[in-house]
Amino acid sequence: MNTKLIYAVCCAITLSVISQGAFAATQCTKSITASLCYGIDGQIQKITGSNCATTEHFCWGDKDVTECATCPNGYTLTTQTLESDNCTNTTTYRTCVSEGTDPTDPCADCEPTNWENALFAGYQVRTNAECQFVLDEDSGLYKKECVRTEEYRCAAGYYGTATGTTLFPSGCNKCPTFNGGDGNTITGQSAVGATEITDCFVEYDGETEFYDETGNYIFVSPCYYSYQSGDCQVKELAPGASCKSDYSTYILGQNCGTTKYIHYEKTGMCFSHCATCPSGYEILTRTTAYQGCNITFQTCGKI
């Protein structure tokens, strides 16, 4: 029996019951000191005033509210009504609208927010806003309303499909780290919004040397993670080192004084390029694509 697992589950159930009891007494109380807002069952909605010069924060019901304290020139501080499914009463929050805009319009400040880092590392969140006509069940009529929804994505350096809520995001994983076998490592990178592990890559710096059974090398182009080969290792061998290949060496550098080699592990192909140039020529850096990898190489051009 896994006693640790049972203990963890029991704690989770106990905390959930206690939290719901606490919300029954406090969920409709406006709190201006809390830095984190907790909704029933972890459900929480972020409300943000638009066009603010400075802001203030409060929690109310299942709402995490950032309202405007002051407005920039050309905007007017206005008050909007805030409702909650968990409360019988309403409260208000302040937002900034362009001068001349009808402040009674429920969609006057219906603007989406920009992407920002979430509370938990590895995630980004933004609030989408769309003005819609929503059925009022009490009157049976449709009324204009700004419908806000949160959207999540993985931050740079992570991959996956981000889901969840502000308090409980899930789905993002940190990109793998490349280990050079000699103590040197490179942290895996990715662009924001990466969804697959194959979107992760290790960046090159053209300086750090790694060592393994094939010899010593440096990365000369970004190498993306690959399920087939473990990682896309394009290695530049040290000057003077030979390059073993089952195929003819592909010549990239032209007019070289001396040469060095790049080894593409996935195919076993070797590429030669320039280490130095003869008199009257200068080193030029170029990039070519070969079977999914960008290979940066040096060639010699006339001065």
C-alpha atoms as a PDB file:
ATOM      1  CA  MET A   1       0.000   0.000   0.000  1.00  0.00           C
ATOM      2  CA  ASN A   2       1.299   3.405  -0.941  1.00  0.00           C
ATOM      3  CA  THR A   3       0.691   5.319   2.305  1.00  0.00           C
ATOM      4  CA  LYS A   4       2.211   8.528   0.950  1.00  0.00           C
ATOM      5  CA  LEU A   5      -0.302   8.651  -1.925  1.00  0.00           C
ATOM      6  CA  ILE A   6      -3.280   8.027   0.355  1.00  0.00           C
ATOM      7  CA  TYR A   7      -2.034  10.752   2.698  1.00  0.00           C
ATOM      8  CA  ALA A   8      -1.802  13.242  -0.149  1.00  0.00           C
ATOM      9  CA  VAL A   9      -5.325  12.448  -1.367  1.00  0.00           C
ATOM     10  CA  CYS A  10      -6.788  12.816   2.110  1.00  0.00           C
ATOM     11  CA  CYS A  11      -5.140  16.214   2.515  1.00  0.00           C
ATOM     12  CA  ALA A  12      -6.569  17.389  -0.788  1.00  0.00           C
ATOM     13  CA  ILE A  13     -10.106  16.342   0.166  1.00  0.00           C
ATOM     14  CA  THR A  14      -9.830  17.979   3.598  1.00  0.00           C
ATOM     15  CA  LEU A  15      -8.548  21.262   2.210  1.00  0.00           C
ATOM     16  CA  SER A  16     -11.307  21.383  -0.398  1.00  0.00           C
ATOM     17  CA  VAL A  17     -14.021  20.988   2.236  1.00  0.00           C
ATOM     18  CA  ILE A  18     -12.513  23.600   4.537  1.00  0.00           C
ATOM     19  CA  SER A  19     -12.047  26.082   1.680  1.00  0.00           C
ATOM     20  CA  GLN A  20     -15.655  25.843   0.507  1.00  0.00           C
ATOM     21  CA  GLY A  21     -16.849  26.433   4.052  1.00  0.00           C
ATOM     22  CA  ALA A  22     -14.703  29.535   4.302  1.00  0.00           C
ATOM     23  CA  PHE A  23     -15.974  30.907   1.000  1.00  0.00           C
ATOM     24  CA  ALA A  24     -19.573  30.629   2.191  1.00  0.00           C
ATOM     25  CA  ALA A  25     -18.860  33.353   4.730  1.00  0.00           C
ATOM     26  CA  THR A  26     -16.413  35.527   2.783  1.00  0.00           C
ATOM     27  CA  GLN A  27     -17.000  35.031  -0.944  1.00  0.00           C
ATOM     28  CA  CYS A  28     -19.095  38.199  -1.293  1.00  0.00           C
ATOM     29  CA  THR A  29     -16.843  40.413   0.796  1.00  0.00           C
ATOM     30  CA  LYS A  30     -14.708  42.863  -1.158  1.00  0.00           C
ATOM     31  CA  SER A  31     -11.074  42.437  -0.118  1.00  0.00           C
ATOM     32  CA  ILE A  32      -8.595  45.136  -1.037  1.00  0.00           C
ATOM     33  CA  THR A  33      -5.568  43.601   0.682  1.00  0.00           C
ATOM     34  CA  ALA A  34      -5.408  40.118  -0.818  1.00  0.00           C
ATOM     35  CA  SER A  35      -2.778  39.538  -3.458  1.00  0.00           C
ATOM     36  CA  LEU A  36      -4.327  36.233  -4.551  1.00  0.00           C
ATOM     37  CA  CYS A  37      -8.006  35.557  -5.089  1.00  0.00           C
ATOM     38  CA  TYR A  38      -9.556  32.133  -4.515  1.00  0.00           C
ATOM     39  CA  GLY A  39     -12.816  31.119  -6.159  1.00  0.00           C
ATOM     40  CA  ILE A  40     -14.988  28.121  -5.321  1.00  0.00           C
ATOM     41  CA  ASP A  41     -13.448  24.923  -6.746  1.00  0.00           C
ATOM     42  CA  GLY A  42     -10.531  26.980  -8.004  1.00  0.00           C
ATOM     43  CA  GLN A  43     -12.669  28.733 -10.618  1.00  0.00           C
ATOM     44  CA  ILE A  44     -11.689  32.376 -10.882  1.00  0.00           C
ATOM     45  CA  GLN A  45     -12.156  35.123 -13.454  1.00  0.00           C
ATOM     46  CA  LYS A  46      -9.717  37.954 -13.992  1.00  0.00           C
ATOM     47  CA  ILE A  47     -11.259  41.379 -14.625  1.00  0.00           C
ATOM     48  CA  THR A  48      -8.930  44.178 -15.703  1.00  0.00           C
ATOM     49  CA  GLY A  49      -9.780  47.811 -16.237  1.00  0.00           C
ATOM     50  CA  SER A  50      -8.759  49.219 -19.609  1.00  0.00           C
ATOM     51  CA  ASN A  51      -6.379  52.065 -20.460  1.00  0.00           C
ATOM     52  CA  CYS A  52      -5.295  52.560 -16.816  1.00  0.00           C
ATOM     53  CA  ALA A  53      -2.486  54.946 -15.870  1.00  0.00           C
ATOM     54  CA  THR A  54      -2.202  53.368 -12.403  1.00  0.00           C
ATOM     55  CA  THR A  55      -4.109  50.426 -10.940  1.00  0.00           C
ATOM     56  CA  GLU A  56      -5.412  48.931  -7.701  1.00  0.00           C
ATOM     57  CA  HIS A  57      -6.390  45.348  -6.956  1.00  0.00           C
ATOM     58  CA  PHE A  58      -9.177  43.629  -5.017  1.00  0.00           C
ATOM     59  CA  CYS A  59     -10.920  40.252  -4.768  1.00  0.00           C
ATOM     60  CA  TRP A  60     -14.687  39.847  -4.818  1.00  0.00           C
ATOM     61  CA  GLY A  61     -16.673  36.630  -5.152  1.00  0.00           C
ATOM     62  CA  ASP A  62     -15.071  34.574  -7.907  1.00  0.00           C
ATOM     63  CA  LYS A  63     -13.482  37.667  -9.467  1.00  0.00           C
ATOM     64  CA  ASP A  64      -9.826  38.780  -9.400  1.00  0.00           C
ATOM     65  CA  VAL A  65     -10.143  42.480 -10.208  1.00  0.00           C
ATOM     66  CA  THR A  66      -7.488  44.967 -11.275  1.00  0.00           C
ATOM     67  CA  GLU A  67      -9.218  48.351 -11.542  1.00  0.00           C
ATOM     68  CA  CYS A  68      -7.998  51.756 -12.623  1.00  0.00           C
ATOM     69  CA  ALA A  69      -6.897  54.214  -9.948  1.00  0.00           C
ATOM     70  CA  THR A  70      -6.069  57.010 -12.403  1.00  0.00           C
ATOM     71  CA  CYS A  71      -6.370  57.542 -16.164  1.00  0.00           C
ATOM     72  CA  PRO A  72      -4.009  59.022 -18.749  1.00  0.00           C
ATOM     73  CA  ASN A  73      -4.842  62.171 -20.677  1.00  0.00           C
ATOM     74  CA  GLY A  74      -7.805  61.723 -22.992  1.00  0.00           C
ATOM     75  CA  TYR A  75      -9.521  59.129 -20.796  1.00  0.00           C
ATOM     76  CA  THR A  76     -12.145  59.426 -18.075  1.00  0.00           C
ATOM     77  CA  LEU A  77     -12.378  57.338 -14.905  1.00  0.00           C
ATOM     78  CA  THR A  78     -15.768  55.592 -14.901  1.00  0.00           C
ATOM     79  CA  THR A  79     -17.474  53.018 -12.697  1.00  0.00           C
ATOM     80  CA  GLN A  80     -18.791  49.709 -14.011  1.00  0.00           C
ATOM     81  CA  THR A  81     -21.105  47.263 -12.221  1.00  0.00           C
ATOM     82  CA  LEU A  82     -19.609  43.898 -11.368  1.00  0.00           C
ATOM     83  CA  GLU A  83     -21.818  40.834 -10.884  1.00  0.00           C
ATOM     84  CA  SER A  84     -20.957  37.350  -9.637  1.00  0.00           C
ATOM     85  CA  ASP A  85     -22.774  34.022  -9.874  1.00  0.00           C
ATOM     86  CA  ASN A  86     -21.809  33.364  -6.247  1.00  0.00           C
ATOM     87  CA  CYS A  87     -23.188  36.612  -4.810  1.00  0.00           C
ATOM     88  CA  THR A  88     -26.700  38.043  -4.583  1.00  0.00           C
ATOM     89  CA  ASN A  89     -25.417  41.623  -4.445  1.00  0.00           C
ATOM     90  CA  THR A  90     -23.227  43.561  -6.880  1.00  0.00           C
ATOM     91  CA  THR A  91     -20.155  45.728  -6.552  1.00  0.00           C
ATOM     92  CA  THR A  92     -18.321  48.132  -8.845  1.00  0.00           C
ATOM     93  CA  TYR A  93     -14.892  48.576 -10.353  1.00  0.00           C
ATOM     94  CA  ARG A  94     -13.268  51.512 -12.121  1.00  0.00           C
ATOM     95  CA  THR A  95     -12.019  51.649 -15.695  1.00  0.00           C
ATOM     96  CA  CYS A  96     -10.853  54.337 -18.125  1.00  0.00           C
ATOM     97  CA  VAL A  97     -12.832  55.097 -21.278  1.00  0.00           C
ATOM     98  CA  SER A  98     -12.055  57.527 -24.060  1.00  0.00           C
ATOM     99  CA  GLU A  99     -13.511  60.954 -23.524  1.00  0.00           C
ATOM    100  CA  GLY A 100     -16.840  61.103 -25.328  1.00  0.00           C
ATOM    101  CA  THR A 101     -17.537  57.369 -24.887  1.00  0.00           C
ATOM    102  CA  ASP A 102     -20.827  56.432 -23.215  1.00  0.00           C
ATOM    103  CA  PRO A 103     -19.734  55.131 -19.765  1.00  0.00           C
ATOM    104  CA  THR A 104     -23.054  53.315 -19.355  1.00  0.00           C
ATOM    105  CA  ASP A 105     -22.257  51.066 -22.315  1.00  0.00           C
ATOM    106  CA  PRO A 106     -21.386  47.625 -20.800  1.00  0.00           C
ATOM    107  CA  CYS A 107     -18.956  47.100 -23.667  1.00  0.00           C
ATOM    108  CA  ALA A 108     -17.260  50.496 -23.393  1.00  0.00           C
ATOM    109  CA  ASP A 109     -14.141  48.870 -21.913  1.00  0.00           C
ATOM    110  CA  CYS A 110     -14.432  45.475 -23.591  1.00  0.00           C
ATOM    111  CA  GLU A 111     -10.771  45.159 -24.539  1.00  0.00           C
ATOM    112  CA  PRO A 112      -8.534  42.067 -24.406  1.00  0.00           C
ATOM    113  CA  THR A 113      -5.351  42.089 -22.324  1.00  0.00           C
ATOM    114  CA  ASN A 114      -1.843  41.338 -23.558  1.00  0.00           C
ATOM    115  CA  TRP A 115      -0.041  38.096 -22.821  1.00  0.00           C
ATOM    116  CA  GLU A 116       1.673  38.142 -19.439  1.00  0.00           C
ATOM    117  CA  ASN A 117       3.489  35.580 -17.295  1.00  0.00           C
ATOM    118  CA  ALA A 118       1.129  33.599 -15.078  1.00  0.00           C
ATOM    119  CA  LEU A 119       1.639  33.008 -11.351  1.00  0.00           C
ATOM    120  CA  PHE A 120       3.243  29.630 -12.068  1.00  0.00           C
ATOM    121  CA  ALA A 121       6.475  29.425 -14.090  1.00  0.00           C
ATOM    122  CA  GLY A 122       6.148  28.050 -17.607  1.00  0.00           C
ATOM    123  CA  TYR A 123       2.766  29.607 -18.376  1.00  0.00           C
ATOM    124  CA  GLN A 124       1.420  32.790 -19.927  1.00  0.00           C
ATOM    125  CA  VAL A 125      -2.152  34.056 -19.709  1.00  0.00           C
ATOM    126  CA  ARG A 126      -4.281  36.707 -21.343  1.00  0.00           C
ATOM    127  CA  THR A 127      -7.937  37.688 -21.076  1.00  0.00           C
ATOM    128  CA  ASN A 128      -9.940  37.700 -24.281  1.00  0.00           C
ATOM    129  CA  ALA A 129     -12.909  40.090 -24.397  1.00  0.00           C
ATOM    130  CA  GLU A 130     -15.838  40.038 -26.825  1.00  0.00           C
ATOM    131  CA  CYS A 131     -19.029  42.082 -26.759  1.00  0.00           C
ATOM    132  CA  GLN A 132     -22.019  39.723 -27.110  1.00  0.00           C
ATOM    133  CA  PHE A 133     -25.774  39.732 -26.627  1.00  0.00           C
ATOM    134  CA  VAL A 134     -26.512  37.318 -23.765  1.00  0.00           C
ATOM    135  CA  LEU A 135     -29.930  36.020 -22.701  1.00  0.00           C
ATOM    136  CA  ASP A 136     -31.143  37.473 -19.378  1.00  0.00           C
ATOM    137  CA  GLU A 137     -33.059  34.579 -17.816  1.00  0.00           C
ATOM    138  CA  ASP A 138     -34.992  36.885 -15.463  1.00  0.00           C
ATOM    139  CA  SER A 139     -36.412  39.143 -18.175  1.00  0.00           C
ATOM    140  CA  GLY A 140     -36.221  36.728 -21.116  1.00  0.00           C
ATOM    141  CA  LEU A 141     -34.499  39.494 -23.116  1.00  0.00           C
ATOM    142  CA  TYR A 142     -31.019  39.648 -24.597  1.00  0.00           C
ATOM    143  CA  LYS A 143     -28.660  42.252 -23.163  1.00  0.00           C
ATOM    144  CA  LYS A 144     -25.281  43.444 -24.358  1.00  0.00           C
ATOM    145  CA  GLU A 145     -22.449  42.096 -22.240  1.00  0.00           C
ATOM    146  CA  CYS A 146     -18.660  41.937 -22.389  1.00  0.00           C
ATOM    147  CA  VAL A 147     -17.772  38.238 -22.246  1.00  0.00           C
ATOM    148  CA  ARG A 148     -14.236  37.650 -20.941  1.00  0.00           C
ATOM    149  CA  THR A 149     -12.388  34.339 -21.115  1.00  0.00           C
ATOM    150  CA  GLU A 150      -8.859  33.415 -20.111  1.00  0.00           C
ATOM    151  CA  GLU A 151      -6.461  31.837 -22.588  1.00  0.00           C
ATOM    152  CA  TYR A 152      -3.237  30.050 -21.684  1.00  0.00           C
ATOM    153  CA  ARG A 153      -0.084  29.122 -23.564  1.00  0.00           C
ATOM    154  CA  CYS A 154       3.356  27.799 -22.671  1.00  0.00           C
ATOM    155  CA  ALA A 155       6.079  30.345 -21.959  1.00  0.00           C
ATOM    156  CA  ALA A 156       9.458  30.391 -23.720  1.00  0.00           C
ATOM    157  CA  GLY A 157      11.564  27.381 -22.758  1.00  0.00           C
ATOM    158  CA  TYR A 158       8.483  25.149 -22.315  1.00  0.00           C
ATOM    159  CA  TYR A 159       6.213  23.083 -24.583  1.00  0.00           C
ATOM    160  CA  GLY A 160       2.752  21.496 -24.373  1.00  0.00           C
ATOM    161  CA  THR A 161      -0.933  22.398 -24.405  1.00  0.00           C
ATOM    162  CA  ALA A 162      -1.651  24.815 -21.575  1.00  0.00           C
ATOM    163  CA  THR A 163      -4.990  24.385 -19.800  1.00  0.00           C
ATOM    164  CA  GLY A 164      -6.471  25.021 -16.361  1.00  0.00           C
ATOM    165  CA  THR A 165      -7.146  28.136 -14.345  1.00  0.00           C
ATOM    166  CA  THR A 166      -5.059  30.911 -12.826  1.00  0.00           C
ATOM    167  CA  LEU A 167      -4.560  28.818  -9.681  1.00  0.00           C
ATOM    168  CA  PHE A 168      -4.135  25.432 -11.345  1.00  0.00           C
ATOM    169  CA  PRO A 169      -2.532  25.664 -14.810  1.00  0.00           C
ATOM    170  CA  SER A 170      -1.293  22.434 -16.362  1.00  0.00           C
ATOM    171  CA  GLY A 171       0.047  20.943 -19.571  1.00  0.00           C
ATOM    172  CA  CYS A 172       3.420  22.715 -20.032  1.00  0.00           C
ATOM    173  CA  ASN A 173       6.745  20.900 -19.737  1.00  0.00           C
ATOM    174  CA  LYS A 174      10.261  22.305 -19.546  1.00  0.00           C
ATOM    175  CA  CYS A 175      12.377  21.717 -22.656  1.00  0.00           C
ATOM    176  CA  PRO A 176      15.067  19.034 -22.185  1.00  0.00           C
ATOM    177  CA  THR A 177      18.637  20.052 -21.397  1.00  0.00           C
ATOM    178  CA  PHE A 178      21.423  18.871 -23.682  1.00  0.00           C
ATOM    179  CA  ASN A 179      24.299  17.219 -21.791  1.00  0.00           C
ATOM    180  CA  GLY A 180      27.671  17.276 -23.526  1.00  0.00           C
ATOM    181  CA  GLY A 181      29.086  14.302 -21.632  1.00  0.00           C
ATOM    182  CA  ASP A 182      31.891  16.338 -20.071  1.00  0.00           C
ATOM    183  CA  GLY A 183      29.959  18.428 -17.583  1.00  0.00           C
ATOM    184  CA  ASN A 184      28.925  21.094 -20.087  1.00  0.00           C
ATOM    185  CA  THR A 185      25.198  21.533 -20.621  1.00  0.00           C
ATOM    186  CA  ILE A 186      22.934  23.728 -22.737  1.00  0.00           C
ATOM    187  CA  THR A 187      19.435  24.614 -21.511  1.00  0.00           C
ATOM    188  CA  GLY A 188      16.677  23.728 -23.964  1.00  0.00           C
ATOM    189  CA  GLN A 189      14.869  26.711 -25.487  1.00  0.00           C
ATOM    190  CA  SER A 190      11.590  27.255 -27.325  1.00  0.00           C
ATOM    191  CA  ALA A 191       9.481  30.099 -28.614  1.00  0.00           C
ATOM    192  CA  VAL A 192       6.385  31.076 -26.620  1.00  0.00           C
ATOM    193  CA  GLY A 193       3.413  28.900 -27.493  1.00  0.00           C
ATOM    194  CA  ALA A 194       5.469  25.798 -28.380  1.00  0.00           C
ATOM    195  CA  THR A 195       3.262  22.689 -28.338  1.00  0.00           C
ATOM    196  CA  GLU A 196       5.610  19.799 -29.188  1.00  0.00           C
ATOM    197  CA  ILE A 197       8.913  18.606 -27.739  1.00  0.00           C
ATOM    198  CA  THR A 198      10.283  18.881 -31.277  1.00  0.00           C
ATOM    199  CA  ASP A 199       9.768  22.663 -30.966  1.00  0.00           C
ATOM    200  CA  CYS A 200      12.555  22.675 -28.358  1.00  0.00           C
ATOM    201  CA  PHE A 201      16.111  23.434 -29.428  1.00  0.00           C
ATOM    202  CA  VAL A 202      19.551  24.125 -28.029  1.00  0.00           C
ATOM    203  CA  GLU A 203      21.067  27.414 -29.154  1.00  0.00           C
ATOM    204  CA  TYR A 204      24.625  27.659 -30.396  1.00  0.00           C
ATOM    205  CA  ASP A 205      27.241  30.112 -29.173  1.00  0.00           C
ATOM    206  CA  GLY A 206      30.103  29.087 -31.465  1.00  0.00           C
ATOM    207  CA  GLU A 207      32.477  28.851 -28.486  1.00  0.00           C
ATOM    208  CA  THR A 208      31.553  26.193 -25.894  1.00  0.00           C
ATOM    209  CA  GLU A 209      33.259  22.859 -26.675  1.00  0.00           C
ATOM    210  CA  PHE A 210      31.713  19.468 -25.960  1.00  0.00           C
ATOM    211  CA  TYR A 211      33.305  16.034 -26.033  1.00  0.00           C
ATOM    212  CA  ASP A 212      32.057  12.503 -26.694  1.00  0.00           C
ATOM    213  CA  GLU A 213      33.157   9.354 -28.539  1.00  0.00           C
ATOM    214  CA  THR A 214      33.150  11.209 -31.859  1.00  0.00           C
ATOM    215  CA  GLY A 215      35.639  13.829 -30.658  1.00  0.00           C
ATOM    216  CA  ASN A 216      35.316  17.462 -29.649  1.00  0.00           C
ATOM    217  CA  TYR A 217      32.843  19.834 -31.266  1.00  0.00           C
ATOM    218  CA  ILE A 218      30.817  23.032 -30.891  1.00  0.00           C
ATOM    219  CA  PHE A 219      27.285  23.792 -32.017  1.00  0.00           C
ATOM    220  CA  VAL A 220      27.176  25.966 -35.119  1.00  0.00           C
ATOM    221  CA  SER A 221      23.387  26.228 -35.579  1.00  0.00           C
ATOM    222  CA  PRO A 222      20.219  25.790 -33.472  1.00  0.00           C
ATOM    223  CA  CYS A 223      19.543  22.073 -33.041  1.00  0.00           C
ATOM    224  CA  TYR A 224      15.937  20.952 -32.544  1.00  0.00           C
ATOM    225  CA  TYR A 225      14.900  17.979 -30.449  1.00  0.00           C
ATOM    226  CA  SER A 226      14.069  14.898 -32.535  1.00  0.00           C
ATOM    227  CA  TYR A 227      12.358  11.664 -31.497  1.00  0.00           C
ATOM    228  CA  GLN A 228      14.303   9.787 -34.161  1.00  0.00           C
ATOM    229  CA  SER A 229      17.839  10.845 -33.319  1.00  0.00           C
ATOM    230  CA  GLY A 230      17.507  12.031 -29.710  1.00  0.00           C
ATOM    231  CA  ASP A 231      18.585  15.489 -30.781  1.00  0.00           C
ATOM    232  CA  CYS A 232      19.692  17.102 -34.017  1.00  0.00           C
ATOM    233  CA  GLN A 233      23.422  17.360 -33.357  1.00  0.00           C
ATOM    234  CA  VAL A 234      25.286  19.376 -35.956  1.00  0.00           C
ATOM    235  CA  LYS A 235      28.848  19.375 -34.660  1.00  0.00           C
ATOM    236  CA  GLU A 236      31.822  21.407 -35.736  1.00  0.00           C
ATOM    237  CA  LEU A 237      35.026  19.460 -35.140  1.00  0.00           C
ATOM    238  CA  ALA A 238      38.089  21.244 -33.810  1.00  0.00           C
ATOM    239  CA  PRO A 239      40.557  22.536 -36.443  1.00  0.00           C
ATOM    240  CA  GLY A 240      42.818  19.710 -37.626  1.00  0.00           C
ATOM    241  CA  ALA A 241      40.409  16.944 -36.566  1.00  0.00           C
ATOM    242  CA  SER A 242      39.361  14.435 -39.231  1.00  0.00           C
ATOM    243  CA  CYS A 243      35.723  13.643 -39.946  1.00  0.00           C
ATOM    244  CA  LYS A 244      34.627  10.013 -40.412  1.00  0.00           C
ATOM    245  CA  SER A 245      31.754   9.427 -42.824  1.00  0.00           C
ATOM    246  CA  ASP A 246      30.365   6.640 -45.008  1.00  0.00           C
ATOM    247  CA  TYR A 247      29.729   9.223 -47.707  1.00  0.00           C
ATOM    248  CA  SER A 248      31.805  11.684 -49.691  1.00  0.00           C
ATOM    249  CA  THR A 249      32.444  14.936 -47.831  1.00  0.00           C
ATOM    250  CA  TYR A 250      30.179  17.753 -48.993  1.00  0.00           C
ATOM    251  CA  ILE A 251      32.164  20.935 -49.636  1.00  0.00           C
ATOM    252  CA  LEU A 252      30.562  24.108 -48.268  1.00  0.00           C
ATOM    253  CA  GLY A 253      33.477  26.523 -47.913  1.00  0.00           C
ATOM    254  CA  GLN A 254      35.081  27.927 -51.069  1.00  0.00           C
ATOM    255  CA  ASN A 255      38.583  29.375 -51.646  1.00  0.00           C
ATOM    256  CA  CYS A 256      39.723  28.171 -48.205  1.00  0.00           C
ATOM    257  CA  GLY A 257      43.253  28.574 -46.898  1.00  0.00           C
ATOM    258  CA  THR A 258      42.752  25.758 -44.377  1.00  0.00           C
ATOM    259  CA  THR A 259      39.629  23.695 -43.747  1.00  0.00           C
ATOM    260  CA  LYS A 260      37.709  22.198 -40.846  1.00  0.00           C
ATOM    261  CA  TYR A 261      34.704  19.899 -40.704  1.00  0.00           C
ATOM    262  CA  ILE A 262      31.078  19.777 -39.605  1.00  0.00           C
ATOM    263  CA  HIS A 263      29.550  16.386 -38.779  1.00  0.00           C
ATOM    264  CA  TYR A 264      25.778  15.902 -39.100  1.00  0.00           C
ATOM    265  CA  GLU A 265      25.050  12.902 -36.840  1.00  0.00           C
ATOM    266  CA  LYS A 266      21.568  12.111 -38.144  1.00  0.00           C
ATOM    267  CA  THR A 267      22.879  11.228 -41.619  1.00  0.00           C
ATOM    268  CA  GLY A 268      26.560  10.657 -40.857  1.00  0.00           C
ATOM    269  CA  MET A 269      27.413  13.295 -43.467  1.00  0.00           C
ATOM    270  CA  CYS A 270      30.577  15.417 -43.228  1.00  0.00           C
ATOM    271  CA  PHE A 271      30.793  18.990 -44.516  1.00  0.00           C
ATOM    272  CA  SER A 272      34.019  20.898 -45.054  1.00  0.00           C
ATOM    273  CA  HIS A 273      34.271  24.667 -44.662  1.00  0.00           C
ATOM    274  CA  CYS A 274      36.941  27.293 -44.133  1.00  0.00           C
ATOM    275  CA  ALA A 275      39.026  27.647 -40.999  1.00  0.00           C
ATOM    276  CA  THR A 276      41.235  30.391 -42.507  1.00  0.00           C
ATOM    277  CA  CYS A 277      41.408  32.319 -45.783  1.00  0.00           C
ATOM    278  CA  PRO A 278      44.386  33.020 -48.066  1.00  0.00           C
ATOM    279  CA  SER A 279      45.693  36.542 -48.660  1.00  0.00           C
ATOM    280  CA  GLY A 280      43.177  38.750 -50.428  1.00  0.00           C
ATOM    281  CA  TYR A 281      40.174  36.850 -49.023  1.00  0.00           C
ATOM    282  CA  GLU A 282      38.083  37.249 -45.868  1.00  0.00           C
ATOM    283  CA  ILE A 283      35.920  34.908 -43.807  1.00  0.00           C
ATOM    284  CA  LEU A 284      32.197  35.092 -44.620  1.00  0.00           C
ATOM    285  CA  THR A 285      29.525  33.305 -42.580  1.00  0.00           C
ATOM    286  CA  ARG A 286      26.684  31.610 -44.448  1.00  0.00           C
ATOM    287  CA  THR A 287      23.800  29.252 -43.550  1.00  0.00           C
ATOM    288  CA  THR A 288      22.362  26.356 -45.521  1.00  0.00           C
ATOM    289  CA  ALA A 289      19.547  23.883 -44.762  1.00  0.00           C
ATOM    290  CA  TYR A 290      20.134  20.142 -44.958  1.00  0.00           C
ATOM    291  CA  GLN A 291      17.409  17.605 -44.072  1.00  0.00           C
ATOM    292  CA  GLY A 292      15.783  19.719 -41.390  1.00  0.00           C
ATOM    293  CA  CYS A 293      18.877  21.289 -39.844  1.00  0.00           C
ATOM    294  CA  ASN A 294      20.256  24.759 -40.454  1.00  0.00           C
ATOM    295  CA  ILE A 295      24.016  24.486 -40.891  1.00  0.00           C
ATOM    296  CA  THR A 296      26.100  27.619 -40.405  1.00  0.00           C
ATOM    297  CA  PHE A 297      29.461  27.506 -42.181  1.00  0.00           C
ATOM    298  CA  GLN A 298      32.383  29.707 -43.189  1.00  0.00           C
ATOM    299  CA  THR A 299      33.538  30.472 -46.714  1.00  0.00           C
ATOM    300  CA  CYS A 300      36.156  32.844 -48.162  1.00  0.00           C
ATOM    301  CA  GLY A 301      35.249  35.809 -50.329  1.00  0.00           C
ATOM    302  CA  LYS A 302      37.483  38.310 -52.062  1.00  0.00           C
ATOM    303  CA  ILE A 303      38.203  41.464 -50.113  1.00  0.00           C
END
